[in-house]
N, C-alpha and C. Protein backbone atom coordinates (compact mmCIF):
# COMPACT_ATOMS: atom_id res chain seq x y z
N MET A 1 -27.68 -90.56 -12.61
CA MET A 1 -27.10 -89.65 -13.61
C MET A 1 -25.83 -89.04 -13.04
N GLY A 2 -24.74 -89.27 -13.69
CA GLY A 2 -23.46 -88.79 -13.17
C GLY A 2 -23.18 -87.36 -13.61
N TYR A 3 -22.32 -86.75 -12.92
CA TYR A 3 -21.90 -85.39 -13.23
C TYR A 3 -20.52 -85.43 -13.87
N VAL A 4 -20.41 -84.70 -14.91
CA VAL A 4 -19.13 -84.64 -15.62
C VAL A 4 -18.46 -83.33 -15.24
N SER A 5 -17.36 -83.43 -14.60
CA SER A 5 -16.65 -82.21 -14.20
C SER A 5 -15.74 -81.76 -15.32
N ALA A 6 -15.72 -80.47 -15.50
CA ALA A 6 -14.86 -79.90 -16.56
C ALA A 6 -13.40 -79.97 -16.14
N VAL A 7 -12.62 -80.46 -17.01
CA VAL A 7 -11.19 -80.56 -16.74
C VAL A 7 -10.52 -79.31 -17.26
N PRO A 8 -9.93 -78.52 -16.39
CA PRO A 8 -9.30 -77.28 -16.86
C PRO A 8 -8.09 -77.58 -17.73
N HIS A 9 -7.96 -76.79 -18.77
CA HIS A 9 -6.81 -76.95 -19.64
C HIS A 9 -5.58 -76.40 -18.96
N PRO A 10 -4.48 -77.08 -19.06
CA PRO A 10 -3.25 -76.58 -18.42
C PRO A 10 -2.83 -75.26 -19.03
N ARG A 11 -2.45 -74.33 -18.16
CA ARG A 11 -1.99 -73.02 -18.63
C ARG A 11 -0.58 -73.14 -19.21
N THR A 12 -0.42 -72.46 -20.29
CA THR A 12 0.89 -72.49 -20.94
C THR A 12 1.88 -71.67 -20.13
N ALA A 13 2.92 -72.28 -19.69
CA ALA A 13 3.92 -71.58 -18.89
C ALA A 13 4.69 -70.61 -19.76
N PRO A 14 4.99 -69.42 -19.22
CA PRO A 14 5.76 -68.47 -20.01
C PRO A 14 7.14 -69.00 -20.34
N ARG A 15 7.59 -68.66 -21.51
CA ARG A 15 8.90 -69.13 -21.94
C ARG A 15 9.97 -68.51 -21.07
N SER A 16 10.77 -69.34 -20.46
CA SER A 16 11.81 -68.86 -19.56
C SER A 16 13.17 -68.91 -20.25
N THR A 17 14.07 -68.15 -19.71
CA THR A 17 15.42 -68.11 -20.25
C THR A 17 16.16 -69.38 -19.85
N PRO A 18 16.81 -70.08 -20.78
CA PRO A 18 17.55 -71.28 -20.44
C PRO A 18 18.62 -71.00 -19.38
N PRO A 19 18.91 -71.97 -18.50
CA PRO A 19 19.92 -71.74 -17.46
C PRO A 19 21.27 -71.33 -18.03
N SER A 20 21.67 -71.94 -19.16
CA SER A 20 22.96 -71.58 -19.74
C SER A 20 22.98 -70.12 -20.17
N SER A 21 21.84 -69.61 -20.66
CA SER A 21 21.78 -68.22 -21.08
C SER A 21 21.80 -67.29 -19.88
N ARG A 22 21.13 -67.71 -18.79
CA ARG A 22 21.17 -66.88 -17.58
C ARG A 22 22.59 -66.78 -17.05
N ARG A 23 23.31 -67.88 -17.09
CA ARG A 23 24.70 -67.84 -16.64
C ARG A 23 25.54 -66.96 -17.56
N SER A 24 25.28 -67.04 -18.85
CA SER A 24 26.06 -66.24 -19.79
C SER A 24 25.81 -64.75 -19.59
N VAL A 25 24.60 -64.37 -19.21
CA VAL A 25 24.32 -62.96 -18.91
C VAL A 25 25.21 -62.49 -17.76
N ALA A 26 25.22 -63.26 -16.68
CA ALA A 26 26.01 -62.86 -15.52
C ALA A 26 27.51 -62.81 -15.85
N VAL A 27 27.98 -63.81 -16.59
CA VAL A 27 29.40 -63.85 -16.93
C VAL A 27 29.77 -62.68 -17.85
N ALA A 28 28.92 -62.40 -18.84
CA ALA A 28 29.21 -61.31 -19.76
C ALA A 28 29.23 -59.96 -19.04
N LEU A 29 28.27 -59.75 -18.14
CA LEU A 29 28.25 -58.50 -17.39
C LEU A 29 29.51 -58.37 -16.53
N LEU A 30 29.90 -59.46 -15.89
CA LEU A 30 31.09 -59.43 -15.04
C LEU A 30 32.34 -59.16 -15.87
N LEU A 31 32.49 -59.89 -16.98
CA LEU A 31 33.68 -59.72 -17.81
C LEU A 31 33.74 -58.31 -18.40
N GLY A 32 32.61 -57.82 -18.90
CA GLY A 32 32.60 -56.50 -19.51
C GLY A 32 32.91 -55.40 -18.53
N ALA A 33 32.25 -55.43 -17.36
CA ALA A 33 32.49 -54.39 -16.36
C ALA A 33 33.90 -54.46 -15.80
N LEU A 34 34.37 -55.69 -15.49
CA LEU A 34 35.71 -55.84 -14.96
C LEU A 34 36.76 -55.43 -15.99
N GLY A 35 36.57 -55.85 -17.23
CA GLY A 35 37.53 -55.51 -18.28
C GLY A 35 37.63 -54.01 -18.50
N ALA A 36 36.49 -53.32 -18.55
CA ALA A 36 36.52 -51.88 -18.75
C ALA A 36 37.19 -51.18 -17.58
N THR A 37 36.93 -51.65 -16.37
CA THR A 37 37.57 -51.05 -15.19
C THR A 37 39.07 -51.22 -15.24
N VAL A 38 39.53 -52.41 -15.59
CA VAL A 38 40.96 -52.68 -15.68
C VAL A 38 41.61 -51.78 -16.74
N VAL A 39 40.97 -51.67 -17.90
CA VAL A 39 41.53 -50.84 -18.98
C VAL A 39 41.63 -49.38 -18.54
N LEU A 40 40.58 -48.86 -17.93
CA LEU A 40 40.59 -47.46 -17.53
C LEU A 40 41.63 -47.18 -16.45
N LEU A 41 41.78 -48.11 -15.52
CA LEU A 41 42.76 -47.91 -14.46
C LEU A 41 44.20 -48.10 -14.97
N ALA A 42 44.42 -49.18 -15.73
CA ALA A 42 45.77 -49.49 -16.18
C ALA A 42 46.28 -48.48 -17.21
N SER A 43 45.37 -47.90 -17.99
CA SER A 43 45.82 -46.92 -18.99
C SER A 43 46.23 -45.60 -18.36
N GLY A 44 45.93 -45.43 -17.09
CA GLY A 44 46.39 -44.23 -16.39
C GLY A 44 47.70 -44.42 -15.66
N ARG A 45 48.26 -45.61 -15.73
CA ARG A 45 49.55 -45.90 -15.07
C ARG A 45 50.71 -45.60 -16.01
N THR A 46 51.92 -45.65 -15.42
CA THR A 46 53.12 -45.39 -16.21
C THR A 46 53.41 -46.57 -17.13
N TRP A 47 53.50 -46.28 -18.44
CA TRP A 47 53.80 -47.32 -19.42
C TRP A 47 55.27 -47.33 -19.83
N ALA A 48 55.90 -46.19 -19.81
CA ALA A 48 57.28 -46.12 -20.31
C ALA A 48 58.08 -45.14 -19.47
N ARG A 49 59.38 -45.42 -19.36
CA ARG A 49 60.32 -44.55 -18.65
C ARG A 49 61.57 -44.35 -19.50
N GLY A 50 62.23 -43.24 -19.29
CA GLY A 50 63.47 -42.97 -20.02
C GLY A 50 64.12 -41.71 -19.47
N THR A 51 65.15 -41.26 -20.13
CA THR A 51 65.86 -40.04 -19.73
C THR A 51 66.11 -39.18 -20.95
N ALA A 52 66.28 -37.91 -20.67
CA ALA A 52 66.63 -36.95 -21.72
C ALA A 52 67.85 -36.16 -21.27
N ALA A 53 68.81 -35.96 -22.19
CA ALA A 53 70.03 -35.22 -21.86
C ALA A 53 69.71 -33.73 -21.87
N ILE A 54 70.09 -33.05 -20.78
CA ILE A 54 69.83 -31.61 -20.66
C ILE A 54 70.87 -30.97 -19.74
N GLY A 55 71.54 -29.93 -20.22
CA GLY A 55 72.51 -29.19 -19.42
C GLY A 55 73.64 -30.03 -18.87
N GLY A 56 74.15 -30.97 -19.63
CA GLY A 56 75.23 -31.82 -19.15
C GLY A 56 74.78 -32.92 -18.22
N GLY A 57 73.49 -33.01 -17.96
CA GLY A 57 72.96 -34.06 -17.10
C GLY A 57 71.81 -34.79 -17.78
N THR A 58 71.07 -35.53 -17.02
CA THR A 58 69.93 -36.27 -17.56
C THR A 58 68.68 -35.94 -16.75
N LEU A 59 67.56 -35.97 -17.43
CA LEU A 59 66.28 -35.69 -16.79
C LEU A 59 65.38 -36.91 -16.97
N PRO A 60 64.87 -37.47 -15.86
CA PRO A 60 64.00 -38.64 -16.01
C PRO A 60 62.66 -38.25 -16.64
N LEU A 61 62.17 -39.11 -17.49
CA LEU A 61 60.90 -38.89 -18.17
C LEU A 61 60.01 -40.12 -18.00
N THR A 62 58.72 -39.88 -17.91
CA THR A 62 57.75 -40.98 -17.85
C THR A 62 56.56 -40.64 -18.74
N ALA A 63 55.87 -41.67 -19.18
CA ALA A 63 54.67 -41.49 -19.99
C ALA A 63 53.63 -42.52 -19.55
N ASP A 64 52.43 -42.05 -19.26
CA ASP A 64 51.37 -43.00 -18.89
C ASP A 64 50.64 -43.47 -20.15
N GLY A 65 49.70 -44.38 -19.94
CA GLY A 65 49.01 -44.95 -21.08
C GLY A 65 48.20 -43.94 -21.87
N GLN A 66 47.62 -42.96 -21.20
CA GLN A 66 46.85 -41.95 -21.90
C GLN A 66 47.74 -41.10 -22.80
N THR A 67 48.99 -40.90 -22.37
CA THR A 67 49.94 -40.14 -23.20
C THR A 67 50.39 -40.96 -24.40
N VAL A 68 50.62 -42.25 -24.18
CA VAL A 68 51.07 -43.11 -25.28
C VAL A 68 49.95 -43.29 -26.30
N THR A 69 48.77 -43.66 -25.85
CA THR A 69 47.61 -43.82 -26.73
C THR A 69 46.33 -43.74 -25.90
N GLY A 70 45.41 -42.94 -26.36
CA GLY A 70 44.13 -42.84 -25.66
C GLY A 70 43.09 -43.80 -26.19
N VAL A 71 43.47 -44.65 -27.14
CA VAL A 71 42.51 -45.56 -27.78
C VAL A 71 41.93 -46.58 -26.81
N PRO A 72 42.74 -47.28 -25.99
CA PRO A 72 42.14 -48.29 -25.11
C PRO A 72 41.10 -47.72 -24.17
N ALA A 73 41.38 -46.58 -23.55
CA ALA A 73 40.41 -46.00 -22.62
C ALA A 73 39.14 -45.59 -23.34
N ALA A 74 39.28 -45.00 -24.52
CA ALA A 74 38.10 -44.59 -25.29
C ALA A 74 37.25 -45.79 -25.69
N LEU A 75 37.90 -46.86 -26.14
CA LEU A 75 37.15 -48.05 -26.54
C LEU A 75 36.55 -48.77 -25.34
N ALA A 76 37.17 -48.66 -24.17
CA ALA A 76 36.58 -49.25 -22.97
C ALA A 76 35.26 -48.57 -22.63
N ILE A 77 35.21 -47.26 -22.81
CA ILE A 77 33.96 -46.53 -22.56
C ILE A 77 32.90 -46.93 -23.58
N VAL A 78 33.32 -47.07 -24.84
CA VAL A 78 32.39 -47.54 -25.88
C VAL A 78 31.88 -48.94 -25.53
N GLY A 79 32.78 -49.79 -25.04
CA GLY A 79 32.38 -51.14 -24.67
C GLY A 79 31.37 -51.15 -23.54
N LEU A 80 31.56 -50.29 -22.54
CA LEU A 80 30.60 -50.20 -21.45
C LEU A 80 29.22 -49.79 -21.96
N ALA A 81 29.21 -48.78 -22.84
CA ALA A 81 27.94 -48.33 -23.41
C ALA A 81 27.27 -49.45 -24.21
N ALA A 82 28.07 -50.20 -24.97
CA ALA A 82 27.52 -51.30 -25.76
C ALA A 82 27.00 -52.41 -24.86
N LEU A 83 27.68 -52.65 -23.74
CA LEU A 83 27.25 -53.70 -22.82
C LEU A 83 25.87 -53.38 -22.25
N VAL A 84 25.61 -52.12 -21.95
CA VAL A 84 24.29 -51.73 -21.46
C VAL A 84 23.26 -51.77 -22.59
N ALA A 85 23.68 -51.31 -23.77
CA ALA A 85 22.75 -51.24 -24.90
C ALA A 85 22.31 -52.62 -25.38
N VAL A 86 23.09 -53.65 -25.10
CA VAL A 86 22.71 -55.01 -25.52
C VAL A 86 21.34 -55.38 -24.97
N PHE A 87 21.03 -54.92 -23.76
CA PHE A 87 19.77 -55.29 -23.12
C PHE A 87 18.63 -54.34 -23.49
N ALA A 88 18.94 -53.32 -24.26
CA ALA A 88 17.90 -52.36 -24.66
C ALA A 88 17.38 -52.61 -26.07
N VAL A 89 18.02 -53.51 -26.81
CA VAL A 89 17.62 -53.79 -28.19
C VAL A 89 17.41 -55.29 -28.35
N ARG A 90 16.80 -55.64 -29.48
CA ARG A 90 16.55 -57.04 -29.76
C ARG A 90 16.86 -57.34 -31.22
N GLY A 91 16.85 -58.63 -31.55
CA GLY A 91 17.00 -59.05 -32.94
C GLY A 91 18.32 -58.63 -33.54
N ALA A 92 18.24 -58.08 -34.75
CA ALA A 92 19.45 -57.68 -35.46
C ALA A 92 20.18 -56.56 -34.74
N GLY A 93 19.43 -55.69 -34.09
CA GLY A 93 20.07 -54.61 -33.33
C GLY A 93 20.95 -55.14 -32.22
N ARG A 94 20.50 -56.19 -31.55
CA ARG A 94 21.31 -56.78 -30.48
C ARG A 94 22.57 -57.42 -31.05
N ALA A 95 22.47 -58.04 -32.20
CA ALA A 95 23.65 -58.63 -32.82
C ALA A 95 24.67 -57.56 -33.19
N LEU A 96 24.19 -56.43 -33.71
CA LEU A 96 25.09 -55.34 -34.07
C LEU A 96 25.78 -54.76 -32.85
N VAL A 97 25.02 -54.55 -31.77
CA VAL A 97 25.62 -53.99 -30.56
C VAL A 97 26.60 -54.99 -29.94
N SER A 98 26.27 -56.27 -30.00
CA SER A 98 27.19 -57.29 -29.48
C SER A 98 28.49 -57.29 -30.28
N GLY A 99 28.36 -57.13 -31.61
CA GLY A 99 29.57 -57.04 -32.43
C GLY A 99 30.40 -55.82 -32.09
N LEU A 100 29.72 -54.68 -31.81
CA LEU A 100 30.45 -53.48 -31.41
C LEU A 100 31.18 -53.70 -30.09
N LEU A 101 30.55 -54.41 -29.17
CA LEU A 101 31.19 -54.73 -27.89
C LEU A 101 32.45 -55.56 -28.10
N ALA A 102 32.35 -56.58 -28.95
CA ALA A 102 33.52 -57.42 -29.22
C ALA A 102 34.62 -56.64 -29.92
N LEU A 103 34.25 -55.80 -30.89
CA LEU A 103 35.25 -55.01 -31.61
C LEU A 103 35.91 -53.99 -30.70
N SER A 104 35.17 -53.45 -29.74
CA SER A 104 35.77 -52.51 -28.79
C SER A 104 36.88 -53.19 -27.99
N GLY A 105 36.60 -54.40 -27.53
CA GLY A 105 37.63 -55.13 -26.80
C GLY A 105 38.82 -55.48 -27.65
N ALA A 106 38.57 -55.93 -28.89
CA ALA A 106 39.67 -56.29 -29.78
C ALA A 106 40.52 -55.07 -30.13
N GLY A 107 39.86 -53.94 -30.41
CA GLY A 107 40.61 -52.73 -30.75
C GLY A 107 41.42 -52.21 -29.58
N ALA A 108 40.85 -52.26 -28.38
CA ALA A 108 41.59 -51.80 -27.20
C ALA A 108 42.79 -52.69 -26.93
N ALA A 109 42.62 -54.01 -27.10
CA ALA A 109 43.75 -54.92 -26.87
C ALA A 109 44.86 -54.67 -27.88
N LEU A 110 44.50 -54.49 -29.15
CA LEU A 110 45.51 -54.24 -30.18
C LEU A 110 46.26 -52.93 -29.92
N ALA A 111 45.52 -51.89 -29.54
CA ALA A 111 46.16 -50.60 -29.27
C ALA A 111 47.11 -50.69 -28.07
N ALA A 112 46.72 -51.46 -27.06
CA ALA A 112 47.58 -51.62 -25.90
C ALA A 112 48.85 -52.39 -26.25
N PHE A 113 48.74 -53.43 -27.06
CA PHE A 113 49.92 -54.19 -27.46
C PHE A 113 50.87 -53.32 -28.28
N LEU A 114 50.31 -52.52 -29.17
CA LEU A 114 51.17 -51.64 -29.97
C LEU A 114 51.82 -50.58 -29.09
N GLY A 115 51.10 -50.11 -28.09
CA GLY A 115 51.66 -49.11 -27.20
C GLY A 115 52.72 -49.63 -26.26
N ALA A 116 52.80 -50.96 -26.11
CA ALA A 116 53.78 -51.54 -25.19
C ALA A 116 55.21 -51.33 -25.66
N SER A 117 55.40 -51.09 -26.95
CA SER A 117 56.76 -50.86 -27.47
C SER A 117 56.91 -49.47 -28.08
N ASP A 118 55.96 -48.58 -27.81
CA ASP A 118 55.99 -47.25 -28.40
C ASP A 118 57.04 -46.37 -27.72
N ARG A 119 57.75 -45.55 -28.51
CA ARG A 119 58.72 -44.62 -27.96
C ARG A 119 58.44 -43.19 -28.39
N SER A 120 57.45 -43.01 -29.26
CA SER A 120 57.18 -41.67 -29.78
C SER A 120 56.70 -40.72 -28.70
N ALA A 121 55.95 -41.23 -27.72
CA ALA A 121 55.45 -40.35 -26.66
C ALA A 121 56.60 -39.76 -25.85
N LEU A 122 57.59 -40.60 -25.49
CA LEU A 122 58.72 -40.09 -24.71
C LEU A 122 59.68 -39.29 -25.58
N ASP A 123 59.80 -39.61 -26.86
CA ASP A 123 60.61 -38.76 -27.75
C ASP A 123 60.01 -37.36 -27.83
N HIS A 124 58.71 -37.29 -27.92
CA HIS A 124 58.05 -35.99 -27.95
C HIS A 124 58.26 -35.25 -26.63
N GLU A 125 58.20 -35.96 -25.53
CA GLU A 125 58.41 -35.34 -24.22
C GLU A 125 59.85 -34.87 -24.07
N ALA A 126 60.80 -35.66 -24.59
CA ALA A 126 62.21 -35.25 -24.53
C ALA A 126 62.43 -33.98 -25.35
N ALA A 127 61.84 -33.90 -26.53
CA ALA A 127 61.98 -32.71 -27.36
C ALA A 127 61.34 -31.50 -26.69
N ARG A 128 60.22 -31.69 -26.05
CA ARG A 128 59.54 -30.57 -25.39
C ARG A 128 60.32 -30.10 -24.17
N THR A 129 60.85 -31.06 -23.40
CA THR A 129 61.54 -30.70 -22.17
C THR A 129 62.86 -30.00 -22.45
N THR A 130 63.60 -30.47 -23.44
CA THR A 130 64.91 -29.89 -23.74
C THR A 130 64.85 -28.75 -24.73
N ALA A 131 63.66 -28.48 -25.26
CA ALA A 131 63.49 -27.44 -26.29
C ALA A 131 64.36 -27.71 -27.51
N ASP A 132 64.61 -28.99 -27.77
CA ASP A 132 65.39 -29.41 -28.92
C ASP A 132 64.55 -30.41 -29.71
N THR A 133 64.13 -30.00 -30.89
CA THR A 133 63.25 -30.86 -31.67
C THR A 133 63.92 -32.16 -32.11
N ALA A 134 65.25 -32.19 -32.08
CA ALA A 134 65.97 -33.40 -32.50
C ALA A 134 66.26 -34.33 -31.32
N ALA A 135 65.91 -33.92 -30.12
CA ALA A 135 66.21 -34.74 -28.93
C ALA A 135 65.33 -35.98 -28.91
N THR A 136 65.91 -37.08 -28.44
CA THR A 136 65.19 -38.34 -28.30
C THR A 136 65.42 -38.90 -26.91
N VAL A 137 64.57 -39.79 -26.50
CA VAL A 137 64.67 -40.39 -25.19
C VAL A 137 65.80 -41.42 -25.18
N ALA A 138 66.47 -41.53 -24.05
CA ALA A 138 67.53 -42.53 -23.88
C ALA A 138 67.14 -43.46 -22.72
N GLY A 139 67.71 -44.64 -22.75
CA GLY A 139 67.44 -45.61 -21.67
C GLY A 139 65.96 -45.95 -21.57
N LEU A 140 65.32 -46.13 -22.71
CA LEU A 140 63.87 -46.38 -22.73
C LEU A 140 63.55 -47.77 -22.17
N THR A 141 62.61 -47.82 -21.23
CA THR A 141 62.09 -49.08 -20.69
C THR A 141 60.57 -49.00 -20.63
N HIS A 142 59.96 -50.17 -20.69
CA HIS A 142 58.50 -50.24 -20.61
C HIS A 142 58.08 -51.07 -19.41
N THR A 143 56.93 -50.72 -18.84
CA THR A 143 56.39 -51.44 -17.70
C THR A 143 55.41 -52.51 -18.18
N ALA A 144 54.82 -53.20 -17.23
CA ALA A 144 53.86 -54.25 -17.57
C ALA A 144 52.44 -53.72 -17.74
N TRP A 145 52.22 -52.44 -17.48
CA TRP A 145 50.86 -51.91 -17.53
C TRP A 145 50.20 -51.99 -18.91
N PRO A 146 50.94 -51.84 -20.00
CA PRO A 146 50.28 -52.04 -21.30
C PRO A 146 49.68 -53.43 -21.46
N TYR A 147 50.36 -54.43 -20.92
CA TYR A 147 49.86 -55.80 -21.03
C TYR A 147 48.67 -56.03 -20.10
N VAL A 148 48.68 -55.35 -18.95
CA VAL A 148 47.51 -55.42 -18.07
C VAL A 148 46.30 -54.79 -18.76
N THR A 149 46.55 -53.67 -19.45
CA THR A 149 45.48 -53.02 -20.21
C THR A 149 44.95 -53.95 -21.30
N ALA A 150 45.86 -54.61 -22.00
CA ALA A 150 45.44 -55.54 -23.05
C ALA A 150 44.64 -56.70 -22.47
N ALA A 151 45.03 -57.18 -21.28
CA ALA A 151 44.28 -58.27 -20.65
C ALA A 151 42.86 -57.83 -20.31
N GLY A 152 42.71 -56.61 -19.80
CA GLY A 152 41.37 -56.10 -19.53
C GLY A 152 40.55 -55.97 -20.81
N ALA A 153 41.20 -55.56 -21.90
CA ALA A 153 40.50 -55.44 -23.18
C ALA A 153 40.04 -56.81 -23.68
N VAL A 154 40.84 -57.84 -23.42
CA VAL A 154 40.44 -59.19 -23.83
C VAL A 154 39.18 -59.63 -23.09
N LEU A 155 39.02 -59.20 -21.83
CA LEU A 155 37.80 -59.51 -21.09
C LEU A 155 36.58 -58.87 -21.76
N ILE A 156 36.75 -57.64 -22.24
CA ILE A 156 35.66 -56.98 -22.97
C ILE A 156 35.34 -57.76 -24.25
N LEU A 157 36.38 -58.21 -24.93
CA LEU A 157 36.19 -59.01 -26.14
C LEU A 157 35.40 -60.28 -25.83
N LEU A 158 35.74 -60.95 -24.74
CA LEU A 158 35.03 -62.18 -24.36
C LEU A 158 33.56 -61.89 -24.05
N ALA A 159 33.31 -60.77 -23.41
CA ALA A 159 31.92 -60.39 -23.13
C ALA A 159 31.15 -60.20 -24.44
N GLY A 160 31.80 -59.60 -25.42
CA GLY A 160 31.16 -59.42 -26.71
C GLY A 160 30.90 -60.74 -27.42
N LEU A 161 31.83 -61.66 -27.32
CA LEU A 161 31.64 -62.97 -27.95
C LEU A 161 30.50 -63.74 -27.28
N LEU A 162 30.39 -63.62 -25.96
CA LEU A 162 29.27 -64.25 -25.27
C LEU A 162 27.94 -63.65 -25.71
N ALA A 163 27.93 -62.33 -25.89
CA ALA A 163 26.71 -61.67 -26.34
C ALA A 163 26.33 -62.12 -27.75
N LEU A 164 27.33 -62.30 -28.60
CA LEU A 164 27.04 -62.78 -29.96
C LEU A 164 26.52 -64.21 -29.95
N ARG A 165 27.04 -65.02 -29.04
CA ARG A 165 26.65 -66.43 -29.01
C ARG A 165 25.30 -66.66 -28.32
N TYR A 166 25.09 -66.00 -27.17
CA TYR A 166 23.89 -66.27 -26.38
C TYR A 166 22.93 -65.08 -26.28
N GLY A 167 23.29 -63.96 -26.87
CA GLY A 167 22.50 -62.75 -26.68
C GLY A 167 21.06 -62.85 -27.13
N HIS A 168 20.77 -63.70 -28.13
CA HIS A 168 19.39 -63.80 -28.62
C HIS A 168 18.47 -64.43 -27.59
N HIS A 169 19.03 -65.08 -26.54
CA HIS A 169 18.22 -65.65 -25.47
C HIS A 169 18.09 -64.70 -24.29
N TRP A 170 18.87 -63.65 -24.26
CA TRP A 170 18.88 -62.77 -23.10
C TRP A 170 17.62 -61.93 -23.04
N PRO A 171 17.16 -61.60 -21.82
CA PRO A 171 15.97 -60.73 -21.70
C PRO A 171 16.30 -59.31 -22.12
N ALA A 172 15.26 -58.56 -22.43
CA ALA A 172 15.43 -57.16 -22.82
C ALA A 172 14.74 -56.28 -21.81
N MET A 173 15.27 -55.08 -21.62
CA MET A 173 14.65 -54.13 -20.73
C MET A 173 13.28 -53.75 -21.27
N GLY A 174 12.30 -53.66 -20.37
CA GLY A 174 10.95 -53.30 -20.78
C GLY A 174 10.08 -54.48 -21.12
N GLY A 175 10.64 -55.70 -21.14
CA GLY A 175 9.85 -56.86 -21.50
C GLY A 175 8.70 -57.12 -20.54
N ARG A 176 8.93 -56.85 -19.25
CA ARG A 176 7.89 -57.08 -18.25
C ARG A 176 6.68 -56.19 -18.51
N TYR A 177 6.97 -54.94 -18.87
CA TYR A 177 5.86 -54.03 -19.13
C TYR A 177 5.10 -54.42 -20.38
N GLU A 178 5.81 -54.95 -21.38
CA GLU A 178 5.12 -55.41 -22.57
C GLU A 178 4.23 -56.60 -22.27
N ARG A 179 4.68 -57.50 -21.38
CA ARG A 179 3.87 -58.66 -21.04
C ARG A 179 2.63 -58.24 -20.26
N ASP A 180 2.76 -57.19 -19.44
CA ASP A 180 1.65 -56.75 -18.62
C ASP A 180 0.69 -55.84 -19.36
N ALA A 181 0.97 -55.56 -20.64
CA ALA A 181 0.14 -54.60 -21.36
C ALA A 181 -1.06 -55.27 -22.00
N GLY A 182 -1.55 -56.35 -21.41
CA GLY A 182 -2.71 -57.05 -21.94
C GLY A 182 -3.98 -56.53 -21.31
N PRO A 183 -5.08 -57.33 -21.39
CA PRO A 183 -6.35 -56.90 -20.83
C PRO A 183 -6.29 -56.64 -19.34
N ARG A 184 -5.43 -57.41 -18.59
CA ARG A 184 -5.35 -57.18 -17.16
C ARG A 184 -4.79 -55.83 -16.85
N GLY A 185 -3.89 -55.36 -17.73
CA GLY A 185 -3.27 -54.07 -17.48
C GLY A 185 -4.13 -52.90 -17.90
N ALA A 186 -5.26 -53.18 -18.65
CA ALA A 186 -6.10 -52.08 -19.11
C ALA A 186 -6.93 -51.54 -17.96
N ARG A 187 -7.14 -50.22 -17.97
CA ARG A 187 -7.94 -49.59 -16.94
C ARG A 187 -9.41 -49.75 -17.24
N LYS A 188 -10.18 -50.10 -16.23
CA LYS A 188 -11.60 -50.25 -16.41
C LYS A 188 -12.27 -48.89 -16.49
N ALA A 189 -13.30 -48.81 -17.35
CA ALA A 189 -14.04 -47.56 -17.48
C ALA A 189 -14.84 -47.30 -16.20
N PRO A 190 -14.91 -46.06 -15.74
CA PRO A 190 -15.68 -45.75 -14.53
C PRO A 190 -17.15 -46.09 -14.71
N VAL A 191 -17.75 -46.55 -13.64
CA VAL A 191 -19.17 -46.88 -13.67
C VAL A 191 -19.97 -45.59 -13.55
N VAL A 192 -20.91 -45.40 -14.47
CA VAL A 192 -21.73 -44.19 -14.48
C VAL A 192 -23.04 -44.47 -13.75
N ASP A 193 -23.31 -43.69 -12.72
CA ASP A 193 -24.58 -43.80 -11.98
C ASP A 193 -25.57 -42.82 -12.59
N PRO A 194 -26.64 -43.28 -13.24
CA PRO A 194 -27.59 -42.36 -13.89
C PRO A 194 -28.32 -41.45 -12.92
N ASP A 195 -28.29 -41.80 -11.62
CA ASP A 195 -28.95 -40.96 -10.64
C ASP A 195 -28.06 -39.83 -10.14
N ARG A 196 -26.82 -39.80 -10.59
CA ARG A 196 -25.89 -38.74 -10.16
C ARG A 196 -25.55 -37.88 -11.37
N PRO A 197 -26.03 -36.65 -11.40
CA PRO A 197 -25.77 -35.77 -12.55
C PRO A 197 -24.29 -35.55 -12.84
N GLU A 198 -23.48 -35.51 -11.76
CA GLU A 198 -22.05 -35.27 -11.99
C GLU A 198 -21.40 -36.41 -12.77
N ASP A 199 -21.90 -37.65 -12.54
CA ASP A 199 -21.37 -38.78 -13.30
C ASP A 199 -21.75 -38.68 -14.77
N LEU A 200 -22.97 -38.19 -15.03
CA LEU A 200 -23.40 -38.03 -16.42
C LEU A 200 -22.55 -37.01 -17.15
N TRP A 201 -22.27 -35.87 -16.46
CA TRP A 201 -21.44 -34.84 -17.10
C TRP A 201 -20.02 -35.34 -17.36
N LYS A 202 -19.46 -36.09 -16.41
CA LYS A 202 -18.11 -36.62 -16.58
C LYS A 202 -18.06 -37.61 -17.75
N ALA A 203 -19.10 -38.42 -17.89
CA ALA A 203 -19.14 -39.36 -19.01
C ALA A 203 -19.21 -38.62 -20.33
N LEU A 204 -20.00 -37.54 -20.38
CA LEU A 204 -20.08 -36.75 -21.60
C LEU A 204 -18.74 -36.10 -21.93
N ASP A 205 -18.04 -35.63 -20.90
CA ASP A 205 -16.72 -35.03 -21.11
C ASP A 205 -15.74 -36.05 -21.67
N ARG A 206 -15.88 -37.32 -21.29
CA ARG A 206 -14.98 -38.36 -21.80
C ARG A 206 -15.41 -38.84 -23.17
N GLY A 207 -16.51 -38.33 -23.71
CA GLY A 207 -17.00 -38.77 -25.00
C GLY A 207 -17.77 -40.06 -24.94
N GLU A 208 -18.28 -40.43 -23.77
CA GLU A 208 -19.04 -41.67 -23.62
C GLU A 208 -20.54 -41.37 -23.65
N ASP A 209 -21.29 -42.42 -23.94
CA ASP A 209 -22.74 -42.33 -23.92
C ASP A 209 -23.24 -42.77 -22.57
N PRO A 210 -23.69 -41.83 -21.71
CA PRO A 210 -24.08 -42.24 -20.35
C PRO A 210 -25.36 -43.05 -20.32
N THR A 211 -26.08 -43.10 -21.43
CA THR A 211 -27.33 -43.86 -21.47
C THR A 211 -27.14 -45.27 -21.99
N GLY A 212 -25.90 -45.58 -22.44
CA GLY A 212 -25.65 -46.89 -23.00
C GLY A 212 -25.70 -47.97 -21.95
N ALA A 213 -26.02 -49.18 -22.36
CA ALA A 213 -26.12 -50.28 -21.41
C ALA A 213 -24.74 -50.72 -21.00
């Protein structure tokens, strides 16, 4: 008489993130963080230079990116927040946050390009410095920093596009705890010893029947 050994059923392997999606997570995080850093740093640099006539002479004037427009820096901060929030939500919420990330980069890039030829900031500075509301800046020149800011904003935009394309495969924060919240993660009820009165009282306090099997 032979013995029939039970053949164990193969365990279903947990669904893993595709390699392309894992790479896209790393690339998106790098692009988003690098782009926001570039925007914040470059928007604090000098974007425009000029002179204002005062007392028979000229006074040099400069304007940094924050003076010209504060939009790129503000949108870079929004983009950073959206980049983190992408991993905190799922489904439609993740798509919305990914879209916000992409729009933050696009808006920051557009604002930087428009600011590259702006003269209103230095005209205002010339009027303030000379106490003449009709004064305007002369010899206006622009630096390359607005374009550096726009390039950083484009990196944020690319991070958003990656999130829109691959974000539905990305892991979410808290997923590990949700997977562990099964029977293995449940706490076992304390064993009640009927010969120990203190165990009986504790069971009654917990609302348990200490006489139950």
